[in-house]
Amino acid sequence: MPDVDDVQDGKNFHLGVPAQTNSFFLKGSNSLDWGMKNRLARIFNPVTGRSVMLAVDHGYFQGPTTGLERIDVSIVPLIAYADALMITRGALRTCVPAEISKPVVLRSTGGQSILKELSNELVAVDIEDVVRINASAMAVQVYIGGEYEHKSIGNLVKIVDAGNRHGVPTLAVTGVGKDMVRDAKYLGLATRICAEMGAHFVKTYYCDKGFERVTAACPVPVLIAGGKKLAELDALKMAYQATEQGAAGVDMGRNVFQCEAPSAMIQAVRAVVHERERPEKAYDFYLSLKNVAAKTISTRS
């Protein structure tokens, strides 16, 4: 039992100091439970309010796409530079060391391949496994305007409800069909629907015109997808323009792991997102890191 022989009255009550009631730093998240906020604060940097996520979940419908043939070889060395890792549970358990301290955004829908209609997904991970893995968030694909739009929104609702019961936030990922126009009107529609259905943050594509309207109208943080592989300077410009227009960061995959120097690229992206570095200077940074890595390899050989 506790020792009660020397109990002393407290005296440092700071009676002249008002109780602290701090607002949470992340857009639309102030009323969430402590566990939700804590998980989101792992994904988003509390100082900058932004995140550089590394997306490597492509294999769930594309198979061993270029750059992801060996996740243990090509991706694990990059994790140190990411704020969060977006990945499937199979790849996580088989390829990623459990010693990593980076938060995991777990791909939680699936059920189709590039050989079939992409919007025909289902809930692919039980919430108990999400908790068992210790994921910081769940990622759900939502196909607004797709053939199975209703089903994908239903998947989002199910996962949001399950996550709310266990304190795990949900990322809604807007899937855009090849025949759809990725303009501000469509992206604004898709992101707003996802937020209205309860998503705690949303991933979508960047558009050149009106993107600031997309982020302004979405009441939760918006991350941009890297999309198809671009020239490195173009990818950095896209990240800069998106964050200057209200995006809370990026979730890049191919524009990192398909580069000639992936480690250099993700560090350059970090400079843009967290340090607000201009794209041209970030590209110079990328080139310098790439040259150093090349010299190191040449010396070793």
C-alpha atoms as a PDB file:
ATOM      1  CA  MET A   1       0.000   0.000   0.000  1.00  0.00           C
ATOM      2  CA  PRO A   2       1.208   3.618  -0.513  1.00  0.00           C
ATOM      3  CA  ASP A   3       3.330   5.295   2.132  1.00  0.00           C
ATOM      4  CA  VAL A   4       1.117   7.911   3.838  1.00  0.00           C
ATOM      5  CA  ASP A   5       3.342   8.765   6.790  1.00  0.00           C
ATOM      6  CA  ASP A   6       4.826  11.916   5.234  1.00  0.00           C
ATOM      7  CA  VAL A   7       1.962  13.370   3.201  1.00  0.00           C
ATOM      8  CA  GLN A   8       2.358  17.120   2.712  1.00  0.00           C
ATOM      9  CA  ASP A   9      -0.220  19.617   1.535  1.00  0.00           C
ATOM     10  CA  GLY A  10       0.349  20.889  -1.992  1.00  0.00           C
ATOM     11  CA  LYS A  11       1.353  24.530  -2.176  1.00  0.00           C
ATOM     12  CA  ASN A  12       2.213  25.355  -5.807  1.00  0.00           C
ATOM     13  CA  PHE A  13      -1.308  25.851  -7.139  1.00  0.00           C
ATOM     14  CA  HIS A  14      -0.339  28.869  -9.294  1.00  0.00           C
ATOM     15  CA  LEU A  15      -3.550  30.631  -8.331  1.00  0.00           C
ATOM     16  CA  GLY A  16      -2.734  33.645 -10.484  1.00  0.00           C
ATOM     17  CA  VAL A  17      -2.200  31.565 -13.651  1.00  0.00           C
ATOM     18  CA  PRO A  18      -5.306  30.790 -15.738  1.00  0.00           C
ATOM     19  CA  ALA A  19      -5.789  27.167 -16.751  1.00  0.00           C
ATOM     20  CA  GLN A  20      -4.398  26.456 -20.200  1.00  0.00           C
ATOM     21  CA  THR A  21      -6.895  25.623 -22.933  1.00  0.00           C
ATOM     22  CA  ASN A  22      -4.865  25.168 -26.089  1.00  0.00           C
ATOM     23  CA  SER A  23      -6.348  24.790 -29.531  1.00  0.00           C
ATOM     24  CA  PHE A  24      -5.043  21.959 -31.716  1.00  0.00           C
ATOM     25  CA  PHE A  25      -2.796  23.085 -34.556  1.00  0.00           C
ATOM     26  CA  LEU A  26      -4.438  21.116 -37.350  1.00  0.00           C
ATOM     27  CA  LYS A  27      -7.351  22.416 -39.397  1.00  0.00           C
ATOM     28  CA  GLY A  28     -10.717  20.952 -38.459  1.00  0.00           C
ATOM     29  CA  SER A  29      -9.309  18.747 -35.711  1.00  0.00           C
ATOM     30  CA  ASN A  30      -9.765  20.732 -32.510  1.00  0.00           C
ATOM     31  CA  SER A  31     -12.835  18.836 -31.292  1.00  0.00           C
ATOM     32  CA  LEU A  32     -11.325  15.380 -31.805  1.00  0.00           C
ATOM     33  CA  ASP A  33     -10.479  13.060 -28.937  1.00  0.00           C
ATOM     34  CA  TRP A  34      -6.947  13.102 -27.462  1.00  0.00           C
ATOM     35  CA  GLY A  35      -5.969   9.836 -29.160  1.00  0.00           C
ATOM     36  CA  MET A  36      -7.036  11.107 -32.573  1.00  0.00           C
ATOM     37  CA  LYS A  37      -5.086  14.331 -32.098  1.00  0.00           C
ATOM     38  CA  ASN A  38      -2.023  12.466 -30.897  1.00  0.00           C
ATOM     39  CA  ARG A  39      -2.006  10.229 -33.953  1.00  0.00           C
ATOM     40  CA  LEU A  40      -2.493  13.187 -36.302  1.00  0.00           C
ATOM     41  CA  ALA A  41       0.343  15.028 -34.544  1.00  0.00           C
ATOM     42  CA  ARG A  42       2.620  12.130 -35.472  1.00  0.00           C
ATOM     43  CA  ILE A  43       1.683  12.425 -39.143  1.00  0.00           C
ATOM     44  CA  PHE A  44       1.722  16.236 -39.339  1.00  0.00           C
ATOM     45  CA  ASN A  45       4.607  18.295 -37.958  1.00  0.00           C
ATOM     46  CA  PRO A  46       3.150  20.427 -35.132  1.00  0.00           C
ATOM     47  CA  VAL A  47       5.645  23.213 -35.893  1.00  0.00           C
ATOM     48  CA  THR A  48       4.886  23.598 -39.614  1.00  0.00           C
ATOM     49  CA  GLY A  49       1.440  22.009 -39.667  1.00  0.00           C
ATOM     50  CA  ARG A  50       2.556  20.036 -42.731  1.00  0.00           C
ATOM     51  CA  SER A  51       3.533  16.512 -43.695  1.00  0.00           C
ATOM     52  CA  VAL A  52       5.678  14.687 -46.240  1.00  0.00           C
ATOM     53  CA  MET A  53       4.159  11.260 -46.585  1.00  0.00           C
ATOM     54  CA  LEU A  54       5.832   8.526 -48.613  1.00  0.00           C
ATOM     55  CA  ALA A  55       3.266   6.499 -50.559  1.00  0.00           C
ATOM     56  CA  VAL A  56       4.377   2.944 -51.342  1.00  0.00           C
ATOM     57  CA  ASP A  57       1.003   1.172 -51.377  1.00  0.00           C
ATOM     58  CA  HIS A  58       0.773   0.911 -55.178  1.00  0.00           C
ATOM     59  CA  GLY A  59       1.320  -2.850 -55.166  1.00  0.00           C
ATOM     60  CA  TYR A  60      -2.176  -3.498 -53.827  1.00  0.00           C
ATOM     61  CA  PHE A  61      -3.541  -3.019 -57.346  1.00  0.00           C
ATOM     62  CA  GLN A  62      -0.458  -2.588 -59.608  1.00  0.00           C
ATOM     63  CA  GLY A  63       1.782  -5.391 -58.379  1.00  0.00           C
ATOM     64  CA  PRO A  64       5.594  -4.922 -58.440  1.00  0.00           C
ATOM     65  CA  THR A  65       5.625  -1.579 -60.227  1.00  0.00           C
ATOM     66  CA  THR A  66       8.913   0.155 -61.071  1.00  0.00           C
ATOM     67  CA  GLY A  67      10.714   1.238 -57.926  1.00  0.00           C
ATOM     68  CA  LEU A  68       8.713  -1.048 -55.639  1.00  0.00           C
ATOM     69  CA  GLU A  69      10.095  -4.388 -56.794  1.00  0.00           C
ATOM     70  CA  ARG A  70      11.942  -4.744 -53.468  1.00  0.00           C
ATOM     71  CA  ILE A  71      10.486  -2.541 -50.742  1.00  0.00           C
ATOM     72  CA  ASP A  72      13.086  -3.777 -48.258  1.00  0.00           C
ATOM     73  CA  VAL A  73      15.881  -2.545 -50.527  1.00  0.00           C
ATOM     74  CA  SER A  74      14.512   0.584 -52.197  1.00  0.00           C
ATOM     75  CA  ILE A  75      12.034   2.013 -49.684  1.00  0.00           C
ATOM     76  CA  VAL A  76      13.272   1.236 -46.177  1.00  0.00           C
ATOM     77  CA  PRO A  77      16.293   3.601 -46.511  1.00  0.00           C
ATOM     78  CA  LEU A  78      13.896   6.453 -47.413  1.00  0.00           C
ATOM     79  CA  ILE A  79      11.628   6.114 -44.390  1.00  0.00           C
ATOM     80  CA  ALA A  80      13.952   8.189 -42.195  1.00  0.00           C
ATOM     81  CA  TYR A  81      13.219  11.259 -44.348  1.00  0.00           C
ATOM     82  CA  ALA A  82       9.426  10.855 -44.400  1.00  0.00           C
ATOM     83  CA  ASP A  83       6.971  12.125 -41.816  1.00  0.00           C
ATOM     84  CA  ALA A  84       4.715   9.119 -42.411  1.00  0.00           C
ATOM     85  CA  LEU A  85       4.632   5.947 -44.475  1.00  0.00           C
ATOM     86  CA  MET A  86       1.550   4.970 -46.490  1.00  0.00           C
ATOM     87  CA  ILE A  87       1.667   1.216 -47.016  1.00  0.00           C
ATOM     88  CA  THR A  88      -0.330  -2.032 -47.003  1.00  0.00           C
ATOM     89  CA  ARG A  89      -0.281  -4.383 -44.036  1.00  0.00           C
ATOM     90  CA  GLY A  90       1.308  -7.168 -46.070  1.00  0.00           C
ATOM     91  CA  ALA A  91       4.239  -5.037 -47.194  1.00  0.00           C
ATOM     92  CA  LEU A  92       4.604  -3.547 -43.728  1.00  0.00           C
ATOM     93  CA  ARG A  93       4.815  -6.883 -41.965  1.00  0.00           C
ATOM     94  CA  THR A  94       7.123  -8.526 -44.503  1.00  0.00           C
ATOM     95  CA  CYS A  95       9.438  -5.699 -45.555  1.00  0.00           C
ATOM     96  CA  VAL A  96       9.602  -2.923 -42.935  1.00  0.00           C
ATOM     97  CA  PRO A  97      11.569  -3.299 -39.678  1.00  0.00           C
ATOM     98  CA  ALA A  98       9.369  -2.986 -36.603  1.00  0.00           C
ATOM     99  CA  GLU A  99      11.997  -0.708 -35.065  1.00  0.00           C
ATOM    100  CA  ILE A 100      10.926   2.252 -37.206  1.00  0.00           C
ATOM    101  CA  SER A 101       9.333   5.077 -35.248  1.00  0.00           C
ATOM    102  CA  LYS A 102       7.577   6.738 -38.176  1.00  0.00           C
ATOM    103  CA  PRO A 103       3.771   6.704 -38.183  1.00  0.00           C
ATOM    104  CA  VAL A 104       2.012   4.334 -40.547  1.00  0.00           C
ATOM    105  CA  VAL A 105      -0.983   5.278 -42.670  1.00  0.00           C
ATOM    106  CA  LEU A 106      -2.406   1.876 -43.450  1.00  0.00           C
ATOM    107  CA  ARG A 107      -4.045   1.162 -46.792  1.00  0.00           C
ATOM    108  CA  SER A 108      -7.426  -0.202 -45.691  1.00  0.00           C
ATOM    109  CA  THR A 109      -9.403  -0.677 -48.915  1.00  0.00           C
ATOM    110  CA  GLY A 110      -8.676  -2.852 -51.927  1.00  0.00           C
ATOM    111  CA  GLY A 111     -10.056  -5.806 -53.796  1.00  0.00           C
ATOM    112  CA  GLN A 112      -9.338  -5.084 -57.447  1.00  0.00           C
ATOM    113  CA  SER A 113      -6.404  -4.877 -59.858  1.00  0.00           C
ATOM    114  CA  ILE A 114      -5.469  -2.777 -62.865  1.00  0.00           C
ATOM    115  CA  LEU A 115      -7.078  -5.532 -64.939  1.00  0.00           C
ATOM    116  CA  LYS A 116     -10.551  -4.678 -63.591  1.00  0.00           C
ATOM    117  CA  GLU A 117     -12.706  -1.660 -62.731  1.00  0.00           C
ATOM    118  CA  LEU A 118     -10.654   0.209 -60.128  1.00  0.00           C
ATOM    119  CA  SER A 119     -13.588   1.735 -58.267  1.00  0.00           C
ATOM    120  CA  ASN A 120     -14.960  -1.653 -57.203  1.00  0.00           C
ATOM    121  CA  GLU A 121     -13.211  -1.788 -53.822  1.00  0.00           C
ATOM    122  CA  LEU A 122     -14.108  -3.193 -50.425  1.00  0.00           C
ATOM    123  CA  VAL A 123     -12.988  -2.691 -46.841  1.00  0.00           C
ATOM    124  CA  ALA A 124      -9.847  -4.826 -46.778  1.00  0.00           C
ATOM    125  CA  VAL A 125      -8.552  -4.444 -43.196  1.00  0.00           C
ATOM    126  CA  ASP A 126     -10.387  -5.022 -39.930  1.00  0.00           C
ATOM    127  CA  ILE A 127     -10.054  -2.279 -37.315  1.00  0.00           C
ATOM    128  CA  GLU A 128      -8.616  -4.802 -34.856  1.00  0.00           C
ATOM    129  CA  ASP A 129      -5.702  -5.411 -37.204  1.00  0.00           C
ATOM    130  CA  VAL A 130      -5.221  -1.658 -37.616  1.00  0.00           C
ATOM    131  CA  VAL A 131      -4.870  -1.347 -33.837  1.00  0.00           C
ATOM    132  CA  ARG A 132      -2.685  -4.463 -33.679  1.00  0.00           C
ATOM    133  CA  ILE A 133      -0.314  -2.926 -36.218  1.00  0.00           C
ATOM    134  CA  ASN A 134      -0.344   0.347 -34.247  1.00  0.00           C
ATOM    135  CA  ALA A 135      -1.232   2.376 -37.339  1.00  0.00           C
ATOM    136  CA  SER A 136      -1.650   6.128 -36.943  1.00  0.00           C
ATOM    137  CA  ALA A 137      -4.344   6.380 -39.640  1.00  0.00           C
ATOM    138  CA  MET A 138      -6.257   4.386 -42.231  1.00  0.00           C
ATOM    139  CA  ALA A 139      -6.399   5.212 -45.949  1.00  0.00           C
ATOM    140  CA  VAL A 140      -9.583   4.717 -47.950  1.00  0.00           C
ATOM    141  CA  GLN A 141      -9.968   5.148 -51.713  1.00  0.00           C
ATOM    142  CA  VAL A 142     -13.082   7.114 -52.693  1.00  0.00           C
ATOM    143  CA  TYR A 143     -14.209   7.258 -56.327  1.00  0.00           C
ATOM    144  CA  ILE A 144     -16.485  10.266 -56.769  1.00  0.00           C
ATOM    145  CA  GLY A 145     -18.065   9.939 -60.214  1.00  0.00           C
ATOM    146  CA  GLY A 146     -16.797   6.391 -60.635  1.00  0.00           C
ATOM    147  CA  GLU A 147     -18.914   3.368 -61.487  1.00  0.00           C
ATOM    148  CA  TYR A 148     -18.901   2.224 -57.859  1.00  0.00           C
ATOM    149  CA  GLU A 149     -19.050   5.681 -56.251  1.00  0.00           C
ATOM    150  CA  HIS A 150     -21.773   4.685 -53.772  1.00  0.00           C
ATOM    151  CA  LYS A 151     -19.880   1.594 -52.639  1.00  0.00           C
ATOM    152  CA  SER A 152     -16.622   3.506 -52.132  1.00  0.00           C
ATOM    153  CA  ILE A 153     -18.377   6.181 -50.054  1.00  0.00           C
ATOM    154  CA  GLY A 154     -19.890   3.353 -48.034  1.00  0.00           C
ATOM    155  CA  ASN A 155     -16.391   1.982 -47.430  1.00  0.00           C
ATOM    156  CA  LEU A 156     -15.315   5.404 -46.184  1.00  0.00           C
ATOM    157  CA  VAL A 157     -18.244   5.643 -43.766  1.00  0.00           C
ATOM    158  CA  LYS A 158     -17.575   2.163 -42.357  1.00  0.00           C
ATOM    159  CA  ILE A 159     -13.900   2.883 -41.787  1.00  0.00           C
ATOM    160  CA  VAL A 160     -14.523   6.340 -40.297  1.00  0.00           C
ATOM    161  CA  ASP A 161     -17.016   4.829 -37.841  1.00  0.00           C
ATOM    162  CA  ALA A 162     -14.636   2.017 -36.870  1.00  0.00           C
ATOM    163  CA  GLY A 163     -11.759   4.465 -36.496  1.00  0.00           C
ATOM    164  CA  ASN A 164     -13.806   6.809 -34.347  1.00  0.00           C
ATOM    165  CA  ARG A 165     -14.522   3.962 -31.931  1.00  0.00           C
ATOM    166  CA  HIS A 166     -10.807   3.239 -31.566  1.00  0.00           C
ATOM    167  CA  GLY A 167      -9.264   6.709 -31.898  1.00  0.00           C
ATOM    168  CA  VAL A 168      -7.723   6.132 -35.345  1.00  0.00           C
ATOM    169  CA  PRO A 169      -8.175   8.901 -37.968  1.00  0.00           C
ATOM    170  CA  THR A 170      -9.098   8.242 -41.578  1.00  0.00           C
ATOM    171  CA  LEU A 171      -7.464   9.550 -44.742  1.00  0.00           C
ATOM    172  CA  ALA A 172      -9.790   9.688 -47.750  1.00  0.00           C
ATOM    173  CA  VAL A 173      -7.943   9.315 -51.052  1.00  0.00           C
ATOM    174  CA  THR A 174      -9.815  10.685 -54.059  1.00  0.00           C
ATOM    175  CA  GLY A 175      -9.514   8.275 -56.962  1.00  0.00           C
ATOM    176  CA  VAL A 176      -9.920  10.030 -60.302  1.00  0.00           C
ATOM    177  CA  GLY A 177     -10.869   7.961 -63.327  1.00  0.00           C
ATOM    178  CA  LYS A 178      -8.905   8.369 -66.548  1.00  0.00           C
ATOM    179  CA  ASP A 179     -11.906   9.943 -68.269  1.00  0.00           C
ATOM    180  CA  MET A 180     -12.484  12.567 -65.572  1.00  0.00           C
ATOM    181  CA  VAL A 181     -11.220  16.144 -65.650  1.00  0.00           C
ATOM    182  CA  ARG A 182      -8.974  16.965 -62.704  1.00  0.00           C
ATOM    183  CA  ASP A 183     -10.116  20.554 -62.354  1.00  0.00           C
ATOM    184  CA  ALA A 184     -10.989  22.626 -59.292  1.00  0.00           C
ATOM    185  CA  LYS A 185     -14.708  21.950 -59.659  1.00  0.00           C
ATOM    186  CA  TYR A 186     -14.289  18.180 -59.570  1.00  0.00           C
ATOM    187  CA  LEU A 187     -11.552  18.137 -56.915  1.00  0.00           C
ATOM    188  CA  GLY A 188     -13.571  20.531 -54.766  1.00  0.00           C
ATOM    189  CA  LEU A 189     -16.587  18.241 -55.041  1.00  0.00           C
ATOM    190  CA  ALA A 190     -14.592  15.104 -54.195  1.00  0.00           C
ATOM    191  CA  THR A 191     -12.650  16.534 -51.252  1.00  0.00           C
ATOM    192  CA  ARG A 192     -15.696  18.210 -49.727  1.00  0.00           C
ATOM    193  CA  ILE A 193     -17.767  15.012 -49.916  1.00  0.00           C
ATOM    194  CA  CYS A 194     -14.969  13.069 -48.213  1.00  0.00           C
ATOM    195  CA  ALA A 195     -14.732  15.618 -45.405  1.00  0.00           C
ATOM    196  CA  GLU A 196     -18.507  15.768 -45.008  1.00  0.00           C
ATOM    197  CA  MET A 197     -18.579  11.971 -44.651  1.00  0.00           C
ATOM    198  CA  GLY A 198     -16.137  12.208 -41.753  1.00  0.00           C
ATOM    199  CA  ALA A 199     -12.628  11.874 -43.206  1.00  0.00           C
ATOM    200  CA  HIS A 200     -10.082  13.539 -40.942  1.00  0.00           C
ATOM    201  CA  PHE A 201      -7.777  14.473 -43.828  1.00  0.00           C
ATOM    202  CA  VAL A 202      -7.962  14.103 -47.586  1.00  0.00           C
ATOM    203  CA  LYS A 203      -5.532  13.292 -50.373  1.00  0.00           C
ATOM    204  CA  THR A 204      -6.234  14.621 -53.841  1.00  0.00           C
ATOM    205  CA  TYR A 205      -4.541  15.887 -56.991  1.00  0.00           C
ATOM    206  CA  TYR A 206      -3.210  19.356 -57.665  1.00  0.00           C
ATOM    207  CA  CYS A 207      -4.698  21.505 -60.406  1.00  0.00           C
ATOM    208  CA  ASP A 208      -3.133  24.627 -61.924  1.00  0.00           C
ATOM    209  CA  LYS A 209      -6.247  26.798 -61.726  1.00  0.00           C
ATOM    210  CA  GLY A 210      -8.354  27.293 -58.628  1.00  0.00           C
ATOM    211  CA  PHE A 211      -6.585  24.889 -56.284  1.00  0.00           C
ATOM    212  CA  GLU A 212      -6.731  27.445 -53.469  1.00  0.00           C
ATOM    213  CA  ARG A 213     -10.518  27.173 -53.694  1.00  0.00           C
ATOM    214  CA  VAL A 214     -10.279  23.405 -53.245  1.00  0.00           C
ATOM    215  CA  THR A 215      -8.268  23.695 -50.036  1.00  0.00           C
ATOM    216  CA  ALA A 216     -10.327  26.620 -48.709  1.00  0.00           C
ATOM    217  CA  ALA A 217     -13.617  24.754 -49.139  1.00  0.00           C
ATOM    218  CA  CYS A 218     -12.341  21.551 -47.514  1.00  0.00           C
ATOM    219  CA  PRO A 219     -12.720  21.796 -43.708  1.00  0.00           C
ATOM    220  CA  VAL A 220      -9.942  19.268 -43.032  1.00  0.00           C
ATOM    221  CA  PRO A 221      -6.283  19.171 -44.176  1.00  0.00           C
ATOM    222  CA  VAL A 222      -5.611  18.397 -47.836  1.00  0.00           C
ATOM    223  CA  LEU A 223      -2.511  16.557 -49.041  1.00  0.00           C
ATOM    224  CA  ILE A 224      -1.617  16.371 -52.717  1.00  0.00           C
ATOM    225  CA  ALA A 225      -0.783  13.177 -54.532  1.00  0.00           C
ATOM    226  CA  GLY A 226       2.412  13.113 -56.526  1.00  0.00           C
ATOM    227  CA  GLY A 227       0.669  11.387 -59.412  1.00  0.00           C
ATOM    228  CA  LYS A 228       2.589  10.232 -62.454  1.00  0.00           C
ATOM    229  CA  LYS A 229       6.365  10.612 -62.595  1.00  0.00           C
ATOM    230  CA  LEU A 230       7.438  14.172 -63.429  1.00  0.00           C
ATOM    231  CA  ALA A 231      10.806  15.774 -63.974  1.00  0.00           C
ATOM    232  CA  GLU A 232      12.261  16.500 -60.541  1.00  0.00           C
ATOM    233  CA  LEU A 233      12.029  20.296 -60.843  1.00  0.00           C
ATOM    234  CA  ASP A 234       8.417  20.038 -62.002  1.00  0.00           C
ATOM    235  CA  ALA A 235       7.522  17.834 -59.034  1.00  0.00           C
ATOM    236  CA  LEU A 236       9.112  20.321 -56.653  1.00  0.00           C
ATOM    237  CA  LYS A 237       7.238  23.181 -58.315  1.00  0.00           C
ATOM    238  CA  MET A 238       3.981  21.301 -57.894  1.00  0.00           C
ATOM    239  CA  ALA A 239       4.674  20.697 -54.188  1.00  0.00           C
ATOM    240  CA  TYR A 240       5.550  24.362 -53.684  1.00  0.00           C
ATOM    241  CA  GLN A 241       2.519  25.722 -55.516  1.00  0.00           C
ATOM    242  CA  ALA A 242       0.152  23.342 -53.732  1.00  0.00           C
ATOM    243  CA  THR A 243       1.404  24.162 -50.245  1.00  0.00           C
ATOM    244  CA  GLU A 244       1.425  27.886 -50.978  1.00  0.00           C
ATOM    245  CA  GLN A 245      -2.213  27.491 -52.017  1.00  0.00           C
ATOM    246  CA  GLY A 246      -3.301  25.798 -48.821  1.00  0.00           C
ATOM    247  CA  ALA A 247      -2.248  22.151 -49.026  1.00  0.00           C
ATOM    248  CA  ALA A 248      -0.983  20.691 -45.762  1.00  0.00           C
ATOM    249  CA  GLY A 249       1.733  18.728 -47.515  1.00  0.00           C
ATOM    250  CA  VAL A 250       2.275  15.938 -50.013  1.00  0.00           C
ATOM    251  CA  ASP A 251       1.905  12.188 -50.254  1.00  0.00           C
ATOM    252  CA  MET A 252       4.412  11.322 -52.962  1.00  0.00           C
ATOM    253  CA  GLY A 253       5.333   7.944 -54.324  1.00  0.00           C
ATOM    254  CA  ARG A 254       6.553   7.646 -57.904  1.00  0.00           C
ATOM    255  CA  ASN A 255       8.047  11.142 -57.876  1.00  0.00           C
ATOM    256  CA  VAL A 256      10.342   9.916 -55.122  1.00  0.00           C
ATOM    257  CA  PHE A 257      11.051   6.204 -55.559  1.00  0.00           C
ATOM    258  CA  GLN A 258      11.288   6.360 -59.369  1.00  0.00           C
ATOM    259  CA  CYS A 259      13.915   9.137 -59.286  1.00  0.00           C
ATOM    260  CA  GLU A 260      17.558   8.433 -60.047  1.00  0.00           C
ATOM    261  CA  ALA A 261      18.327   9.594 -56.497  1.00  0.00           C
ATOM    262  CA  PRO A 262      15.260   8.907 -54.323  1.00  0.00           C
ATOM    263  CA  SER A 263      16.952   9.852 -51.055  1.00  0.00           C
ATOM    264  CA  ALA A 264      18.014  13.205 -52.459  1.00  0.00           C
ATOM    265  CA  MET A 265      14.544  13.825 -53.870  1.00  0.00           C
ATOM    266  CA  ILE A 266      12.609  13.218 -50.672  1.00  0.00           C
ATOM    267  CA  GLN A 267      14.975  15.551 -48.819  1.00  0.00           C
ATOM    268  CA  ALA A 268      14.392  18.222 -51.452  1.00  0.00           C
ATOM    269  CA  VAL A 269      10.638  17.760 -51.099  1.00  0.00           C
ATOM    270  CA  ARG A 270      11.010  18.202 -47.332  1.00  0.00           C
ATOM    271  CA  ALA A 271      12.831  21.483 -47.917  1.00  0.00           C
ATOM    272  CA  VAL A 272       9.904  22.748 -49.992  1.00  0.00           C
ATOM    273  CA  VAL A 273       7.156  21.542 -47.675  1.00  0.00           C
ATOM    274  CA  HIS A 274       8.611  22.267 -44.241  1.00  0.00           C
ATOM    275  CA  GLU A 275      11.117  25.049 -44.941  1.00  0.00           C
ATOM    276  CA  ARG A 276       9.113  26.709 -47.742  1.00  0.00           C
ATOM    277  CA  GLU A 277      12.179  26.597 -49.963  1.00  0.00           C
ATOM    278  CA  ARG A 278      11.721  27.826 -53.502  1.00  0.00           C
ATOM    279  CA  PRO A 279      11.592  24.967 -56.059  1.00  0.00           C
ATOM    280  CA  GLU A 280      14.730  26.093 -57.900  1.00  0.00           C
ATOM    281  CA  LYS A 281      16.821  26.139 -54.717  1.00  0.00           C
ATOM    282  CA  ALA A 282      15.350  22.817 -53.642  1.00  0.00           C
ATOM    283  CA  TYR A 283      16.301  21.381 -57.035  1.00  0.00           C
ATOM    284  CA  ASP A 284      19.879  22.599 -56.567  1.00  0.00           C
ATOM    285  CA  PHE A 285      19.810  20.895 -53.179  1.00  0.00           C
ATOM    286  CA  TYR A 286      18.615  17.714 -54.864  1.00  0.00           C
ATOM    287  CA  LEU A 287      21.444  17.851 -57.406  1.00  0.00           C
ATOM    288  CA  SER A 288      24.082  18.408 -54.731  1.00  0.00           C
ATOM    289  CA  LEU A 289      22.840  15.455 -52.678  1.00  0.00           C
ATOM    290  CA  LYS A 290      22.657  13.327 -55.812  1.00  0.00           C
ATOM    291  CA  ASN A 291      26.268  14.195 -56.729  1.00  0.00           C
ATOM    292  CA  VAL A 292      27.502  13.407 -53.225  1.00  0.00           C
ATOM    293  CA  ALA A 293      25.774  10.022 -53.326  1.00  0.00           C
ATOM    294  CA  ALA A 294      27.250   9.277 -56.762  1.00  0.00           C
ATOM    295  CA  LYS A 295      30.756  10.119 -55.554  1.00  0.00           C
ATOM    296  CA  THR A 296      30.321   7.937 -52.492  1.00  0.00           C
ATOM    297  CA  ILE A 297      29.273   4.983 -54.611  1.00  0.00           C
ATOM    298  CA  SER A 298      32.165   5.600 -57.013  1.00  0.00           C
ATOM    299  CA  THR A 299      34.662   5.674 -54.122  1.00  0.00           C
ATOM    300  CA  ARG A 300      33.336   2.434 -52.662  1.00  0.00           C
ATOM    301  CA  SER A 301      33.548   0.654 -56.012  1.00  0.00           C
END
